């Protein structure tokens, strides 16, 4: 194996995972969810009860990309407010 191949095989790209918590205007969730599904890096969309209406999980390779995804979500009609929570450590059972 040459040096370049060795470096490429050892290269690990750390992904940044985050939850984007969303407050919606009443009555717009179906259209807004349809628009969110079109955005790259959106992994999961959950409709929730409580302080927020929707939680979107995203995975990106940089904070700049996270900002771009958040900006796209904020531009969707019917979204009042977003709060982004970056996952520092995830524990599975």
C-alpha atoms as a PDB file:
ATOM      1  CA  UNK A   1       0.000   0.000   0.000  1.00  0.00           C
ATOM      2  CA  UNK A   2       1.456   3.345  -0.942  1.00  0.00           C
ATOM      3  CA  UNK A   3       1.531   6.345   1.391  1.00  0.00           C
ATOM      4  CA  UNK A   4      -1.467   8.140  -0.153  1.00  0.00           C
ATOM      5  CA  UNK A   5      -3.633   5.019  -0.013  1.00  0.00           C
ATOM      6  CA  UNK A   6      -2.619   4.480   3.627  1.00  0.00           C
ATOM      7  CA  UNK A   7      -3.523   8.048   4.526  1.00  0.00           C
ATOM      8  CA  UNK A   8      -6.877   7.849   2.732  1.00  0.00           C
ATOM      9  CA  UNK A   9      -7.779   4.584   4.469  1.00  0.00           C
ATOM     10  CA  UNK A  10      -6.947   6.042   7.895  1.00  0.00           C
ATOM     11  CA  UNK A  11      -8.845   9.270   7.274  1.00  0.00           C
ATOM     12  CA  UNK A  12     -11.867   9.468   9.534  1.00  0.00           C
ATOM     13  CA  UNK A  13     -14.466  12.135   8.902  1.00  0.00           C
ATOM     14  CA  UNK A  14     -16.199  13.116  12.108  1.00  0.00           C
ATOM     15  CA  UNK A  15     -19.831  13.930  11.500  1.00  0.00           C
ATOM     16  CA  UNK A  16     -21.588  16.597  13.515  1.00  0.00           C
ATOM     17  CA  UNK A  17     -25.055  15.558  14.648  1.00  0.00           C
ATOM     18  CA  UNK A  18     -27.583  18.064  15.907  1.00  0.00           C
ATOM     19  CA  UNK A  19     -31.229  18.469  16.782  1.00  0.00           C
ATOM     20  CA  UNK A  20     -33.040  21.480  15.400  1.00  0.00           C
ATOM     21  CA  UNK A  21     -36.067  22.245  17.600  1.00  0.00           C
ATOM     22  CA  UNK A  22     -38.812  24.077  15.746  1.00  0.00           C
ATOM     23  CA  UNK A  23     -41.817  26.192  16.710  1.00  0.00           C
ATOM     24  CA  UNK A  24     -44.430  26.265  13.938  1.00  0.00           C
ATOM     25  CA  UNK A  25     -47.329  28.492  13.008  1.00  0.00           C
ATOM     26  CA  UNK A  26     -50.573  26.540  13.482  1.00  0.00           C
ATOM     27  CA  UNK A  27     -51.817  24.713  10.398  1.00  0.00           C
ATOM     28  CA  UNK A  28     -48.613  24.702   8.335  1.00  0.00           C
ATOM     29  CA  UNK A  29     -46.837  21.567   9.532  1.00  0.00           C
ATOM     30  CA  UNK A  30     -47.608  19.237   6.587  1.00  0.00           C
ATOM     31  CA  UNK A  31     -46.290  21.648   3.945  1.00  0.00           C
ATOM     32  CA  UNK A  32     -43.306  22.568   6.101  1.00  0.00           C
ATOM     33  CA  UNK A  33     -42.406  18.920   6.698  1.00  0.00           C
ATOM     34  CA  UNK A  34     -42.573  18.271   2.960  1.00  0.00           C
ATOM     35  CA  UNK A  35     -40.076  21.108   2.414  1.00  0.00           C
ATOM     36  CA  UNK A  36     -37.779  19.885   5.211  1.00  0.00           C
ATOM     37  CA  UNK A  37     -37.648  16.420   3.654  1.00  0.00           C
ATOM     38  CA  UNK A  38     -36.051  17.965   0.550  1.00  0.00           C
ATOM     39  CA  UNK A  39     -33.076  19.376   2.493  1.00  0.00           C
ATOM     40  CA  UNK A  40     -29.801  17.458   2.316  1.00  0.00           C
ATOM     41  CA  UNK A  41     -28.410  16.243   5.639  1.00  0.00           C
ATOM     42  CA  UNK A  42     -31.844  15.952   7.295  1.00  0.00           C
ATOM     43  CA  UNK A  43     -31.802  12.475   8.847  1.00  0.00           C
ATOM     44  CA  UNK A  44     -35.095  12.397  10.745  1.00  0.00           C
ATOM     45  CA  UNK A  45     -38.137  14.604  11.333  1.00  0.00           C
ATOM     46  CA  UNK A  46     -40.264  14.063  14.432  1.00  0.00           C
ATOM     47  CA  UNK A  47     -43.544  15.752  15.325  1.00  0.00           C
ATOM     48  CA  UNK A  48     -43.554  16.172  19.106  1.00  0.00           C
ATOM     49  CA  UNK A  49     -45.770  17.457  21.889  1.00  0.00           C
ATOM     50  CA  UNK A  50     -44.561  20.091  24.318  1.00  0.00           C
ATOM     51  CA  UNK A  51     -42.601  23.307  24.013  1.00  0.00           C
ATOM     52  CA  UNK A  52     -41.589  22.571  20.402  1.00  0.00           C
ATOM     53  CA  UNK A  53     -43.652  21.237  17.508  1.00  0.00           C
ATOM     54  CA  UNK A  54     -41.030  19.481  15.387  1.00  0.00           C
ATOM     55  CA  UNK A  55     -37.560  18.098  16.056  1.00  0.00           C
ATOM     56  CA  UNK A  56     -35.257  17.621  13.079  1.00  0.00           C
ATOM     57  CA  UNK A  57     -32.102  15.542  13.353  1.00  0.00           C
ATOM     58  CA  UNK A  58     -29.303  16.510  10.983  1.00  0.00           C
ATOM     59  CA  UNK A  59     -25.835  15.141  10.277  1.00  0.00           C
ATOM     60  CA  UNK A  60     -23.242  17.356   8.643  1.00  0.00           C
ATOM     61  CA  UNK A  61     -19.469  17.384   8.240  1.00  0.00           C
ATOM     62  CA  UNK A  62     -18.902  20.984   9.360  1.00  0.00           C
ATOM     63  CA  UNK A  63     -20.425  23.759  11.437  1.00  0.00           C
ATOM     64  CA  UNK A  64     -20.672  25.837   8.267  1.00  0.00           C
ATOM     65  CA  UNK A  65     -22.864  23.145   6.702  1.00  0.00           C
ATOM     66  CA  UNK A  66     -24.997  23.040   9.870  1.00  0.00           C
ATOM     67  CA  UNK A  67     -25.539  26.784   9.569  1.00  0.00           C
ATOM     68  CA  UNK A  68     -26.607  26.356   5.925  1.00  0.00           C
ATOM     69  CA  UNK A  69     -29.095  23.603   6.830  1.00  0.00           C
ATOM     70  CA  UNK A  70     -30.487  25.713   9.687  1.00  0.00           C
ATOM     71  CA  UNK A  71     -30.817  28.704   7.363  1.00  0.00           C
ATOM     72  CA  UNK A  72     -32.761  26.600   4.835  1.00  0.00           C
ATOM     73  CA  UNK A  73     -35.122  25.368   7.545  1.00  0.00           C
ATOM     74  CA  UNK A  74     -35.669  28.896   8.889  1.00  0.00           C
ATOM     75  CA  UNK A  75     -36.680  30.087   5.409  1.00  0.00           C
ATOM     76  CA  UNK A  76     -39.564  27.596   5.190  1.00  0.00           C
ATOM     77  CA  UNK A  77     -42.981  29.221   5.396  1.00  0.00           C
ATOM     78  CA  UNK A  78     -44.700  28.497   8.703  1.00  0.00           C
ATOM     79  CA  UNK A  79     -41.593  28.219  10.850  1.00  0.00           C
ATOM     80  CA  UNK A  80     -41.523  30.769  13.667  1.00  0.00           C
ATOM     81  CA  UNK A  81     -38.350  29.871  15.535  1.00  0.00           C
ATOM     82  CA  UNK A  82     -35.551  27.311  15.614  1.00  0.00           C
ATOM     83  CA  UNK A  83     -33.159  26.294  18.359  1.00  0.00           C
ATOM     84  CA  UNK A  84     -30.164  24.148  17.446  1.00  0.00           C
ATOM     85  CA  UNK A  85     -28.681  21.651  19.879  1.00  0.00           C
ATOM     86  CA  UNK A  86     -25.375  20.070  18.813  1.00  0.00           C
ATOM     87  CA  UNK A  87     -24.857  16.551  20.138  1.00  0.00           C
ATOM     88  CA  UNK A  88     -21.568  16.380  22.050  1.00  0.00           C
ATOM     89  CA  UNK A  89     -21.841  12.749  23.088  1.00  0.00           C
ATOM     90  CA  UNK A  90     -24.429  10.115  22.322  1.00  0.00           C
ATOM     91  CA  UNK A  91     -24.970   7.141  24.581  1.00  0.00           C
ATOM     92  CA  UNK A  92     -26.734   4.033  23.353  1.00  0.00           C
ATOM     93  CA  UNK A  93     -28.141   1.334  25.577  1.00  0.00           C
END
